[in-house]
Amino acid sequence: MAGKTKASAWDVAEAFVSEHADELRSAETSETIVELIRTSEVMKKAKGVWPKIIAELDKQLDIDFPAMRTREHNERAAHLESVTAGEPVLHLFTAGDAEANSFAICDSEGAVQWYSEFFESDRLSDEDPEASAAGQAVEKALYLARQVREKCHLDGLAVVLHHAHPEPHGLDAKTRKASAGGVLVRFAHDSESNPAVEWCREPGYRSWREIKLQNLLATATVAEPTPDSDSAAEEAVA
């Protein structure tokens, strides 16, 4: 007797968009669409279904999901540019080390704020583990920045995030996620003078919950330092 054939990703995506057409059409934000996809558990029905859903949204409903997401980010970023203009900029230095299975985040004065082994939920890519580790460290630094913004009751927080790896995974997506959390981020590659690199190899750990977030904000600078050729700040493209 032949085994049950698993539905193709295209079939799953086509059926999902068709069945939820009214809800998808009425969605006012990309996050509403993402939440509908998440709660429906359609992603568990076939491997690689996400890009097929995006394609079916355009085919069936004329919903350009990437354009919607980019437009929303640009609107948030413009608002954050306005509310953070002239305010101190928080500089965070971050590094991830796949070999040591660890990450570290330091402030502009070189003091470590959070370092630890990666968590079980942090998945590193087998294809490029170091870039993946760097991306996970960036994610945690942006999470820390959001905690600072919320604890200090700021409308927005500008952050320059100095990363040791030249190309951490997922910077575009992380930039969009940061803006949704009220954080305007720019990235700078800094491998030569990044104090977080050494902390990835230090024994022990320090949780971000041990630090005073208000004190971390106090390290922010009004004037951003001029980046040199090895650590030029580069605007993240949404």
C-alpha atoms as a PDB file:
ATOM      1  CA  MET A   1       0.000   0.000   0.000  1.00  0.00           C
ATOM      2  CA  ALA A   2       1.430   3.332  -1.028  1.00  0.00           C
ATOM      3  CA  GLY A   3       2.267   5.780   1.749  1.00  0.00           C
ATOM      4  CA  LYS A   4       0.396   9.029   2.156  1.00  0.00           C
ATOM      5  CA  THR A   5       1.795  11.742  -0.109  1.00  0.00           C
ATOM      6  CA  LYS A   6       2.672  14.964   1.680  1.00  0.00           C
ATOM      7  CA  ALA A   7       1.002  18.042   0.232  1.00  0.00           C
ATOM      8  CA  SER A   8       3.282  20.289  -1.804  1.00  0.00           C
ATOM      9  CA  ALA A   9       4.162  23.722  -0.484  1.00  0.00           C
ATOM     10  CA  TRP A  10       2.439  25.356  -3.451  1.00  0.00           C
ATOM     11  CA  ASP A  11      -0.814  23.475  -2.842  1.00  0.00           C
ATOM     12  CA  VAL A  12      -0.747  24.354   0.862  1.00  0.00           C
ATOM     13  CA  ALA A  13      -0.052  28.034   0.150  1.00  0.00           C
ATOM     14  CA  GLU A  14      -2.733  28.271  -2.533  1.00  0.00           C
ATOM     15  CA  ALA A  15      -5.361  26.690  -0.286  1.00  0.00           C
ATOM     16  CA  PHE A  16      -4.420  28.851   2.707  1.00  0.00           C
ATOM     17  CA  VAL A  17      -4.718  32.144   0.824  1.00  0.00           C
ATOM     18  CA  SER A  18      -7.976  31.058  -0.805  1.00  0.00           C
ATOM     19  CA  GLU A  19      -9.547  29.937   2.486  1.00  0.00           C
ATOM     20  CA  HIS A  20      -8.488  33.089   4.370  1.00  0.00           C
ATOM     21  CA  ALA A  21      -8.997  35.579   1.535  1.00  0.00           C
ATOM     22  CA  ASP A  22     -11.406  37.853   3.418  1.00  0.00           C
ATOM     23  CA  GLU A  23      -9.192  38.090   6.492  1.00  0.00           C
ATOM     24  CA  LEU A  24      -6.088  38.692   4.404  1.00  0.00           C
ATOM     25  CA  ARG A  25      -7.747  41.397   2.313  1.00  0.00           C
ATOM     26  CA  SER A  26      -8.885  43.238   5.444  1.00  0.00           C
ATOM     27  CA  ALA A  27      -5.446  43.112   7.097  1.00  0.00           C
ATOM     28  CA  GLU A  28      -4.180  46.662   7.544  1.00  0.00           C
ATOM     29  CA  THR A  29      -0.596  45.739   8.434  1.00  0.00           C
ATOM     30  CA  SER A  30       1.942  43.112   7.462  1.00  0.00           C
ATOM     31  CA  GLU A  31       2.104  42.027  11.099  1.00  0.00           C
ATOM     32  CA  THR A  32      -1.597  41.171  10.991  1.00  0.00           C
ATOM     33  CA  ILE A  33      -0.909  38.896   8.037  1.00  0.00           C
ATOM     34  CA  VAL A  34       2.077  37.314   9.774  1.00  0.00           C
ATOM     35  CA  GLU A  35      -0.003  36.680  12.899  1.00  0.00           C
ATOM     36  CA  LEU A  36      -2.748  35.027  10.856  1.00  0.00           C
ATOM     37  CA  ILE A  37      -0.189  32.764   9.213  1.00  0.00           C
ATOM     38  CA  ARG A  38       1.370  31.969  12.576  1.00  0.00           C
ATOM     39  CA  THR A  39      -1.866  31.111  14.374  1.00  0.00           C
ATOM     40  CA  SER A  40      -3.147  28.981  11.498  1.00  0.00           C
ATOM     41  CA  GLU A  41      -0.081  26.705  11.774  1.00  0.00           C
ATOM     42  CA  VAL A  42       0.011  26.482   7.972  1.00  0.00           C
ATOM     43  CA  MET A  43       3.816  26.611   8.148  1.00  0.00           C
ATOM     44  CA  LYS A  44       3.812  23.117   9.683  1.00  0.00           C
ATOM     45  CA  LYS A  45       1.975  21.564   6.748  1.00  0.00           C
ATOM     46  CA  ALA A  46       4.807  21.709   4.226  1.00  0.00           C
ATOM     47  CA  LYS A  47       8.450  22.676   4.059  1.00  0.00           C
ATOM     48  CA  GLY A  48       9.251  25.981   2.373  1.00  0.00           C
ATOM     49  CA  VAL A  49       5.680  27.230   2.356  1.00  0.00           C
ATOM     50  CA  TRP A  50       6.416  30.831   3.417  1.00  0.00           C
ATOM     51  CA  PRO A  51       7.673  32.191   0.044  1.00  0.00           C
ATOM     52  CA  LYS A  52       4.811  30.396  -1.684  1.00  0.00           C
ATOM     53  CA  ILE A  53       2.273  32.153   0.546  1.00  0.00           C
ATOM     54  CA  ILE A  54       3.876  35.502  -0.318  1.00  0.00           C
ATOM     55  CA  ALA A  55       3.575  34.660  -4.003  1.00  0.00           C
ATOM     56  CA  GLU A  56      -0.052  33.512  -3.640  1.00  0.00           C
ATOM     57  CA  LEU A  57      -0.959  36.731  -1.815  1.00  0.00           C
ATOM     58  CA  ASP A  58       0.136  38.640  -4.889  1.00  0.00           C
ATOM     59  CA  LYS A  59      -1.392  36.196  -7.393  1.00  0.00           C
ATOM     60  CA  GLN A  60      -4.787  35.811  -5.761  1.00  0.00           C
ATOM     61  CA  LEU A  61      -5.318  39.055  -3.836  1.00  0.00           C
ATOM     62  CA  ASP A  62      -2.918  41.585  -5.374  1.00  0.00           C
ATOM     63  CA  ILE A  63      -1.253  41.995  -1.981  1.00  0.00           C
ATOM     64  CA  ASP A  64       2.420  42.918  -2.387  1.00  0.00           C
ATOM     65  CA  PHE A  65       3.597  41.777   1.040  1.00  0.00           C
ATOM     66  CA  PRO A  66       7.274  42.873   0.700  1.00  0.00           C
ATOM     67  CA  ALA A  67       6.179  46.349  -0.430  1.00  0.00           C
ATOM     68  CA  MET A  68       3.688  46.581   2.456  1.00  0.00           C
ATOM     69  CA  ARG A  69       6.358  45.589   4.971  1.00  0.00           C
ATOM     70  CA  THR A  70       8.913  48.038   3.546  1.00  0.00           C
ATOM     71  CA  ARG A  71       6.407  50.901   3.484  1.00  0.00           C
ATOM     72  CA  GLU A  72       5.515  50.316   7.133  1.00  0.00           C
ATOM     73  CA  HIS A  73       9.172  50.231   8.141  1.00  0.00           C
ATOM     74  CA  ASN A  74       9.946  53.434   6.247  1.00  0.00           C
ATOM     75  CA  GLU A  75       7.057  55.201   7.988  1.00  0.00           C
ATOM     76  CA  ARG A  76       8.248  54.025  11.407  1.00  0.00           C
ATOM     77  CA  ALA A  77      11.847  54.966  10.619  1.00  0.00           C
ATOM     78  CA  ALA A  78      10.835  58.480   9.531  1.00  0.00           C
ATOM     79  CA  HIS A  79       8.919  58.925  12.786  1.00  0.00           C
ATOM     80  CA  LEU A  80      11.867  57.650  14.824  1.00  0.00           C
ATOM     81  CA  GLU A  81      14.249  59.966  12.973  1.00  0.00           C
ATOM     82  CA  SER A  82      12.025  62.829  14.099  1.00  0.00           C
ATOM     83  CA  VAL A  83      11.653  61.847  17.755  1.00  0.00           C
ATOM     84  CA  THR A  84      15.345  60.962  18.217  1.00  0.00           C
ATOM     85  CA  ALA A  85      16.796  64.002  16.435  1.00  0.00           C
ATOM     86  CA  GLY A  86      19.267  65.725  18.740  1.00  0.00           C
ATOM     87  CA  GLU A  87      18.942  63.012  21.389  1.00  0.00           C
ATOM     88  CA  PRO A  88      21.852  60.882  22.673  1.00  0.00           C
ATOM     89  CA  VAL A  89      22.795  57.878  20.554  1.00  0.00           C
ATOM     90  CA  LEU A  90      23.428  54.559  22.274  1.00  0.00           C
ATOM     91  CA  HIS A  91      26.453  52.640  20.992  1.00  0.00           C
ATOM     92  CA  LEU A  92      26.539  48.893  21.582  1.00  0.00           C
ATOM     93  CA  PHE A  93      29.331  46.510  20.616  1.00  0.00           C
ATOM     94  CA  THR A  94      28.373  42.947  19.864  1.00  0.00           C
ATOM     95  CA  ALA A  95      29.992  39.692  18.827  1.00  0.00           C
ATOM     96  CA  GLY A  96      28.988  36.073  18.405  1.00  0.00           C
ATOM     97  CA  ASP A  97      31.333  33.092  18.431  1.00  0.00           C
ATOM     98  CA  ALA A  98      30.013  29.868  16.898  1.00  0.00           C
ATOM     99  CA  GLU A  99      33.020  27.830  18.010  1.00  0.00           C
ATOM    100  CA  ALA A 100      32.564  28.910  21.636  1.00  0.00           C
ATOM    101  CA  ASN A 101      28.761  28.877  21.246  1.00  0.00           C
ATOM    102  CA  SER A 102      28.577  32.277  22.909  1.00  0.00           C
ATOM    103  CA  PHE A 103      27.784  35.961  22.451  1.00  0.00           C
ATOM    104  CA  ALA A 104      28.658  39.216  24.182  1.00  0.00           C
ATOM    105  CA  ILE A 105      27.395  42.803  24.244  1.00  0.00           C
ATOM    106  CA  CYS A 106      29.429  45.740  25.570  1.00  0.00           C
ATOM    107  CA  ASP A 107      28.728  49.439  25.981  1.00  0.00           C
ATOM    108  CA  SER A 108      30.694  52.299  24.433  1.00  0.00           C
ATOM    109  CA  GLU A 109      33.085  52.301  27.380  1.00  0.00           C
ATOM    110  CA  GLY A 110      33.963  48.630  26.856  1.00  0.00           C
ATOM    111  CA  ALA A 111      32.064  47.313  29.872  1.00  0.00           C
ATOM    112  CA  VAL A 112      30.281  44.030  29.266  1.00  0.00           C
ATOM    113  CA  GLN A 113      26.517  44.264  29.699  1.00  0.00           C
ATOM    114  CA  TRP A 114      25.390  40.789  28.679  1.00  0.00           C
ATOM    115  CA  TYR A 115      27.365  37.668  27.800  1.00  0.00           C
ATOM    116  CA  SER A 116      26.499  34.017  27.830  1.00  0.00           C
ATOM    117  CA  GLU A 117      26.413  30.824  25.871  1.00  0.00           C
ATOM    118  CA  PHE A 118      23.692  30.789  23.245  1.00  0.00           C
ATOM    119  CA  PHE A 119      20.311  29.500  24.362  1.00  0.00           C
ATOM    120  CA  GLU A 120      18.789  26.245  23.140  1.00  0.00           C
ATOM    121  CA  SER A 121      16.333  28.251  21.045  1.00  0.00           C
ATOM    122  CA  ASP A 122      19.180  30.048  19.219  1.00  0.00           C
ATOM    123  CA  ARG A 123      19.672  28.111  16.027  1.00  0.00           C
ATOM    124  CA  LEU A 124      22.991  28.583  14.228  1.00  0.00           C
ATOM    125  CA  SER A 125      23.186  27.865  10.525  1.00  0.00           C
ATOM    126  CA  ASP A 126      25.402  24.952   9.507  1.00  0.00           C
ATOM    127  CA  GLU A 127      26.143  26.717   6.229  1.00  0.00           C
ATOM    128  CA  ASP A 128      27.756  29.781   7.811  1.00  0.00           C
ATOM    129  CA  PRO A 129      27.770  29.372  11.597  1.00  0.00           C
ATOM    130  CA  GLU A 130      29.887  32.447  12.336  1.00  0.00           C
ATOM    131  CA  ALA A 131      27.618  34.805  10.376  1.00  0.00           C
ATOM    132  CA  SER A 132      24.662  33.129  12.063  1.00  0.00           C
ATOM    133  CA  ALA A 133      26.206  33.567  15.516  1.00  0.00           C
ATOM    134  CA  ALA A 134      26.864  37.213  14.718  1.00  0.00           C
ATOM    135  CA  GLY A 135      23.241  37.643  13.665  1.00  0.00           C
ATOM    136  CA  GLN A 136      21.992  36.091  16.893  1.00  0.00           C
ATOM    137  CA  ALA A 137      24.230  38.458  18.881  1.00  0.00           C
ATOM    138  CA  VAL A 138      22.829  41.434  16.955  1.00  0.00           C
ATOM    139  CA  GLU A 139      19.308  40.231  17.737  1.00  0.00           C
ATOM    140  CA  LYS A 140      20.106  40.166  21.440  1.00  0.00           C
ATOM    141  CA  ALA A 141      21.699  43.623  21.357  1.00  0.00           C
ATOM    142  CA  LEU A 142      18.578  45.052  19.734  1.00  0.00           C
ATOM    143  CA  TYR A 143      16.440  43.300  22.333  1.00  0.00           C
ATOM    144  CA  LEU A 144      18.554  44.978  25.013  1.00  0.00           C
ATOM    145  CA  ALA A 145      18.085  48.352  23.302  1.00  0.00           C
ATOM    146  CA  ARG A 146      14.310  47.858  23.349  1.00  0.00           C
ATOM    147  CA  GLN A 147      14.469  47.125  27.066  1.00  0.00           C
ATOM    148  CA  VAL A 148      16.388  50.380  27.599  1.00  0.00           C
ATOM    149  CA  ARG A 149      13.814  52.356  25.611  1.00  0.00           C
ATOM    150  CA  GLU A 150      10.898  50.868  27.541  1.00  0.00           C
ATOM    151  CA  LYS A 151      12.507  51.153  30.975  1.00  0.00           C
ATOM    152  CA  CYS A 152      13.483  54.776  30.367  1.00  0.00           C
ATOM    153  CA  HIS A 153      10.050  55.623  28.887  1.00  0.00           C
ATOM    154  CA  LEU A 154      11.457  56.976  25.620  1.00  0.00           C
ATOM    155  CA  ASP A 155       9.359  57.571  22.522  1.00  0.00           C
ATOM    156  CA  GLY A 156      12.274  56.311  20.476  1.00  0.00           C
ATOM    157  CA  LEU A 157      15.932  55.364  20.838  1.00  0.00           C
ATOM    158  CA  ALA A 158      18.707  55.774  18.261  1.00  0.00           C
ATOM    159  CA  VAL A 159      21.343  53.031  18.352  1.00  0.00           C
ATOM    160  CA  VAL A 160      24.584  52.404  16.499  1.00  0.00           C
ATOM    161  CA  LEU A 161      25.338  48.711  16.717  1.00  0.00           C
ATOM    162  CA  HIS A 162      28.983  47.771  16.126  1.00  0.00           C
ATOM    163  CA  HIS A 163      29.278  44.168  14.963  1.00  0.00           C
ATOM    164  CA  ALA A 164      32.521  42.198  14.726  1.00  0.00           C
ATOM    165  CA  HIS A 165      31.518  39.965  11.804  1.00  0.00           C
ATOM    166  CA  PRO A 166      31.440  41.682   8.390  1.00  0.00           C
ATOM    167  CA  GLU A 167      28.049  40.244   7.409  1.00  0.00           C
ATOM    168  CA  PRO A 168      25.817  39.062  10.271  1.00  0.00           C
ATOM    169  CA  HIS A 169      22.753  37.175   9.148  1.00  0.00           C
ATOM    170  CA  GLY A 170      19.446  38.983   8.729  1.00  0.00           C
ATOM    171  CA  LEU A 171      20.275  42.646   9.281  1.00  0.00           C
ATOM    172  CA  ASP A 172      17.404  43.875   7.114  1.00  0.00           C
ATOM    173  CA  ALA A 173      14.794  41.875   9.018  1.00  0.00           C
ATOM    174  CA  LYS A 174      16.340  42.899  12.334  1.00  0.00           C
ATOM    175  CA  THR A 175      16.212  46.564  11.309  1.00  0.00           C
ATOM    176  CA  ARG A 176      12.488  46.279  10.595  1.00  0.00           C
ATOM    177  CA  LYS A 177      11.871  44.469  13.871  1.00  0.00           C
ATOM    178  CA  ALA A 178      13.852  47.114  15.769  1.00  0.00           C
ATOM    179  CA  SER A 179      11.828  49.976  14.292  1.00  0.00           C
ATOM    180  CA  ALA A 180       8.623  48.193  15.299  1.00  0.00           C
ATOM    181  CA  GLY A 181       9.986  48.258  18.852  1.00  0.00           C
ATOM    182  CA  GLY A 182      10.830  51.970  18.761  1.00  0.00           C
ATOM    183  CA  VAL A 183      14.543  51.555  18.036  1.00  0.00           C
ATOM    184  CA  LEU A 184      16.229  53.302  15.112  1.00  0.00           C
ATOM    185  CA  VAL A 185      19.376  51.308  14.357  1.00  0.00           C
ATOM    186  CA  ARG A 186      22.425  51.799  12.189  1.00  0.00           C
ATOM    187  CA  PHE A 187      25.145  49.197  11.838  1.00  0.00           C
ATOM    188  CA  ALA A 188      28.908  49.552  11.853  1.00  0.00           C
ATOM    189  CA  HIS A 189      31.423  46.797  11.153  1.00  0.00           C
ATOM    190  CA  ASP A 190      34.084  46.999  13.844  1.00  0.00           C
ATOM    191  CA  SER A 191      36.288  43.957  14.323  1.00  0.00           C
ATOM    192  CA  GLU A 192      39.553  45.602  15.398  1.00  0.00           C
ATOM    193  CA  SER A 193      38.427  47.495  18.498  1.00  0.00           C
ATOM    194  CA  ASN A 194      35.305  45.574  19.483  1.00  0.00           C
ATOM    195  CA  PRO A 195      35.537  44.611  23.181  1.00  0.00           C
ATOM    196  CA  ALA A 196      32.729  42.060  22.829  1.00  0.00           C
ATOM    197  CA  VAL A 197      34.986  39.696  20.855  1.00  0.00           C
ATOM    198  CA  GLU A 198      37.140  38.798  23.867  1.00  0.00           C
ATOM    199  CA  TRP A 199      34.137  38.478  26.159  1.00  0.00           C
ATOM    200  CA  CYS A 200      32.799  35.646  23.996  1.00  0.00           C
ATOM    201  CA  ARG A 201      35.687  33.536  25.331  1.00  0.00           C
ATOM    202  CA  GLU A 202      35.397  34.547  28.976  1.00  0.00           C
ATOM    203  CA  PRO A 203      34.088  31.920  31.435  1.00  0.00           C
ATOM    204  CA  GLY A 204      30.799  32.492  33.222  1.00  0.00           C
ATOM    205  CA  TYR A 205      27.938  34.697  32.144  1.00  0.00           C
ATOM    206  CA  ARG A 206      26.110  37.921  32.912  1.00  0.00           C
ATOM    207  CA  SER A 207      22.395  38.414  32.353  1.00  0.00           C
ATOM    208  CA  TRP A 208      21.039  41.721  31.077  1.00  0.00           C
ATOM    209  CA  ARG A 209      18.674  41.625  34.042  1.00  0.00           C
ATOM    210  CA  GLU A 210      21.644  42.228  36.350  1.00  0.00           C
ATOM    211  CA  ILE A 211      22.357  45.670  34.914  1.00  0.00           C
ATOM    212  CA  LYS A 212      20.758  49.072  35.487  1.00  0.00           C
ATOM    213  CA  LEU A 213      19.294  49.991  32.143  1.00  0.00           C
ATOM    214  CA  GLN A 214      19.261  53.674  33.050  1.00  0.00           C
ATOM    215  CA  ASN A 215      23.031  53.515  33.531  1.00  0.00           C
ATOM    216  CA  LEU A 216      23.433  51.956  30.105  1.00  0.00           C
ATOM    217  CA  LEU A 217      21.498  54.855  28.593  1.00  0.00           C
ATOM    218  CA  ALA A 218      23.872  57.220  30.397  1.00  0.00           C
ATOM    219  CA  THR A 219      26.702  55.938  28.155  1.00  0.00           C
ATOM    220  CA  ALA A 220      24.903  57.314  25.083  1.00  0.00           C
ATOM    221  CA  THR A 221      26.644  60.142  23.271  1.00  0.00           C
ATOM    222  CA  VAL A 222      25.144  63.217  21.635  1.00  0.00           C
ATOM    223  CA  ALA A 223      27.788  63.394  18.922  1.00  0.00           C
ATOM    224  CA  GLU A 224      28.506  60.148  17.118  1.00  0.00           C
ATOM    225  CA  PRO A 225      32.197  59.302  16.742  1.00  0.00           C
ATOM    226  CA  THR A 226      33.533  59.535  13.198  1.00  0.00           C
ATOM    227  CA  PRO A 227      33.998  55.955  11.938  1.00  0.00           C
ATOM    228  CA  ASP A 228      37.357  55.017  10.409  1.00  0.00           C
ATOM    229  CA  SER A 229      37.883  52.995   7.253  1.00  0.00           C
ATOM    230  CA  ASP A 230      37.701  49.685   9.097  1.00  0.00           C
ATOM    231  CA  SER A 231      34.487  50.459  10.945  1.00  0.00           C
ATOM    232  CA  ALA A 232      32.449  52.683   8.675  1.00  0.00           C
ATOM    233  CA  ALA A 233      28.856  52.988   9.724  1.00  0.00           C
ATOM    234  CA  GLU A 234      26.546  51.723   7.048  1.00  0.00           C
ATOM    235  CA  GLU A 235      22.861  52.531   6.868  1.00  0.00           C
ATOM    236  CA  ALA A 236      20.792  49.354   6.938  1.00  0.00           C
ATOM    237  CA  VAL A 237      18.541  48.988   3.911  1.00  0.00           C
ATOM    238  CA  ALA A 238      14.988  47.965   4.696  1.00  0.00           C
END
